[in-house]
């Protein structure tokens, strides 16, 4: 019928780089970065580290030093680690 219009909407699929499970601090950082559509360089500038540092955190090759935790928490908007 020419006067009938229907529309089906689906949520946009997540990028392939999006972490499947959020279990490490690097996963939290990558998820937030992709949600905000930011480059690693932009996140690095915001946190105060080198771009390669963000890469290493996101692939879980290294973990952030304690001195970067306030900036990471501010970037994420929440505390990603369970309370001690």
C-alpha atoms as a PDB file:
ATOM      1  CA  UNK A   1       0.000   0.000   0.000  1.00  0.00           C
ATOM      2  CA  UNK A   2       1.460   3.356  -0.932  1.00  0.00           C
ATOM      3  CA  UNK A   3       0.201   5.166   2.200  1.00  0.00           C
ATOM      4  CA  UNK A   4       1.558   2.606   4.665  1.00  0.00           C
ATOM      5  CA  UNK A   5       4.998   3.227   6.107  1.00  0.00           C
ATOM      6  CA  UNK A   6       6.830   1.068   8.606  1.00  0.00           C
ATOM      7  CA  UNK A   7      10.311   1.342   9.967  1.00  0.00           C
ATOM      8  CA  UNK A   8      12.477  -1.177  11.776  1.00  0.00           C
ATOM      9  CA  UNK A   9      15.316   0.145  13.910  1.00  0.00           C
ATOM     10  CA  UNK A  10      18.166  -1.765  15.443  1.00  0.00           C
ATOM     11  CA  UNK A  11      20.958  -0.488  17.656  1.00  0.00           C
ATOM     12  CA  UNK A  12      24.164   0.249  15.817  1.00  0.00           C
ATOM     13  CA  UNK A  13      26.612  -2.656  16.230  1.00  0.00           C
ATOM     14  CA  UNK A  14      29.640  -2.033  18.417  1.00  0.00           C
ATOM     15  CA  UNK A  15      33.010  -1.601  16.674  1.00  0.00           C
ATOM     16  CA  UNK A  16      35.133  -4.749  16.351  1.00  0.00           C
ATOM     17  CA  UNK A  17      37.719  -3.177  18.661  1.00  0.00           C
ATOM     18  CA  UNK A  18      35.091  -2.899  21.405  1.00  0.00           C
ATOM     19  CA  UNK A  19      35.956  -5.210  24.342  1.00  0.00           C
ATOM     20  CA  UNK A  20      33.643  -8.225  24.609  1.00  0.00           C
ATOM     21  CA  UNK A  21      33.936  -8.342  28.378  1.00  0.00           C
ATOM     22  CA  UNK A  22      34.959  -5.570  30.732  1.00  0.00           C
ATOM     23  CA  UNK A  23      37.301  -7.212  33.212  1.00  0.00           C
ATOM     24  CA  UNK A  24      40.460  -5.087  33.298  1.00  0.00           C
ATOM     25  CA  UNK A  25      41.237  -1.416  33.677  1.00  0.00           C
ATOM     26  CA  UNK A  26      42.415  -1.401  30.055  1.00  0.00           C
ATOM     27  CA  UNK A  27      39.001  -2.714  28.983  1.00  0.00           C
ATOM     28  CA  UNK A  28      37.277   0.111  30.880  1.00  0.00           C
ATOM     29  CA  UNK A  29      39.511   2.695  29.192  1.00  0.00           C
ATOM     30  CA  UNK A  30      38.998   1.253  25.703  1.00  0.00           C
ATOM     31  CA  UNK A  31      35.214   1.024  26.179  1.00  0.00           C
ATOM     32  CA  UNK A  32      34.962   4.637  27.349  1.00  0.00           C
ATOM     33  CA  UNK A  33      37.253   5.855  24.553  1.00  0.00           C
ATOM     34  CA  UNK A  34      35.200   4.092  21.889  1.00  0.00           C
ATOM     35  CA  UNK A  35      31.920   5.266  23.445  1.00  0.00           C
ATOM     36  CA  UNK A  36      33.179   8.859  23.209  1.00  0.00           C
ATOM     37  CA  UNK A  37      34.617   8.253  19.722  1.00  0.00           C
ATOM     38  CA  UNK A  38      38.057   9.495  20.804  1.00  0.00           C
ATOM     39  CA  UNK A  39      41.516   8.642  19.512  1.00  0.00           C
ATOM     40  CA  UNK A  40      44.129   7.147  21.821  1.00  0.00           C
ATOM     41  CA  UNK A  41      46.123  10.372  21.403  1.00  0.00           C
ATOM     42  CA  UNK A  42      43.191  12.420  22.713  1.00  0.00           C
ATOM     43  CA  UNK A  43      42.800  10.164  25.756  1.00  0.00           C
ATOM     44  CA  UNK A  44      46.544  10.261  26.371  1.00  0.00           C
ATOM     45  CA  UNK A  45      46.502  14.063  26.351  1.00  0.00           C
ATOM     46  CA  UNK A  46      43.574  14.116  28.778  1.00  0.00           C
ATOM     47  CA  UNK A  47      45.197  11.662  31.209  1.00  0.00           C
ATOM     48  CA  UNK A  48      48.706  13.087  30.821  1.00  0.00           C
ATOM     49  CA  UNK A  49      50.555  10.115  29.327  1.00  0.00           C
ATOM     50  CA  UNK A  50      52.050   9.145  25.975  1.00  0.00           C
ATOM     51  CA  UNK A  51      49.783   7.711  23.289  1.00  0.00           C
ATOM     52  CA  UNK A  52      51.670   4.392  23.382  1.00  0.00           C
ATOM     53  CA  UNK A  53      50.899   4.111  27.094  1.00  0.00           C
ATOM     54  CA  UNK A  54      47.167   4.089  26.309  1.00  0.00           C
ATOM     55  CA  UNK A  55      47.781   1.407  23.683  1.00  0.00           C
ATOM     56  CA  UNK A  56      49.643  -0.769  26.178  1.00  0.00           C
ATOM     57  CA  UNK A  57      46.921  -0.317  28.795  1.00  0.00           C
ATOM     58  CA  UNK A  58      44.165  -1.195  26.328  1.00  0.00           C
ATOM     59  CA  UNK A  59      45.842  -4.418  25.167  1.00  0.00           C
ATOM     60  CA  UNK A  60      46.575  -5.291  28.813  1.00  0.00           C
ATOM     61  CA  UNK A  61      50.328  -5.397  28.258  1.00  0.00           C
ATOM     62  CA  UNK A  62      50.858  -3.051  31.215  1.00  0.00           C
ATOM     63  CA  UNK A  63      48.747  -1.602  33.999  1.00  0.00           C
ATOM     64  CA  UNK A  64      48.552   2.092  34.960  1.00  0.00           C
ATOM     65  CA  UNK A  65      50.652   3.378  37.807  1.00  0.00           C
ATOM     66  CA  UNK A  66      48.769   4.541  40.886  1.00  0.00           C
ATOM     67  CA  UNK A  67      49.671   8.186  40.179  1.00  0.00           C
ATOM     68  CA  UNK A  68      47.493   8.115  37.031  1.00  0.00           C
ATOM     69  CA  UNK A  69      44.395   6.753  38.780  1.00  0.00           C
ATOM     70  CA  UNK A  70      42.803  10.155  39.588  1.00  0.00           C
ATOM     71  CA  UNK A  71      43.016  11.190  35.920  1.00  0.00           C
ATOM     72  CA  UNK A  72      41.723   7.792  34.777  1.00  0.00           C
ATOM     73  CA  UNK A  73      38.790   7.951  37.202  1.00  0.00           C
ATOM     74  CA  UNK A  74      37.984  11.450  35.961  1.00  0.00           C
ATOM     75  CA  UNK A  75      38.136  10.247  32.333  1.00  0.00           C
ATOM     76  CA  UNK A  76      35.931   7.231  33.032  1.00  0.00           C
ATOM     77  CA  UNK A  77      33.531   9.088  35.300  1.00  0.00           C
ATOM     78  CA  UNK A  78      33.536   6.257  37.849  1.00  0.00           C
ATOM     79  CA  UNK A  79      35.898   4.067  39.871  1.00  0.00           C
ATOM     80  CA  UNK A  80      36.514   0.953  37.786  1.00  0.00           C
ATOM     81  CA  UNK A  81      38.048  -1.109  40.565  1.00  0.00           C
ATOM     82  CA  UNK A  82      36.180  -2.744  43.448  1.00  0.00           C
ATOM     83  CA  UNK A  83      36.603  -1.220  46.886  1.00  0.00           C
ATOM     84  CA  UNK A  84      39.383  -2.756  48.962  1.00  0.00           C
END
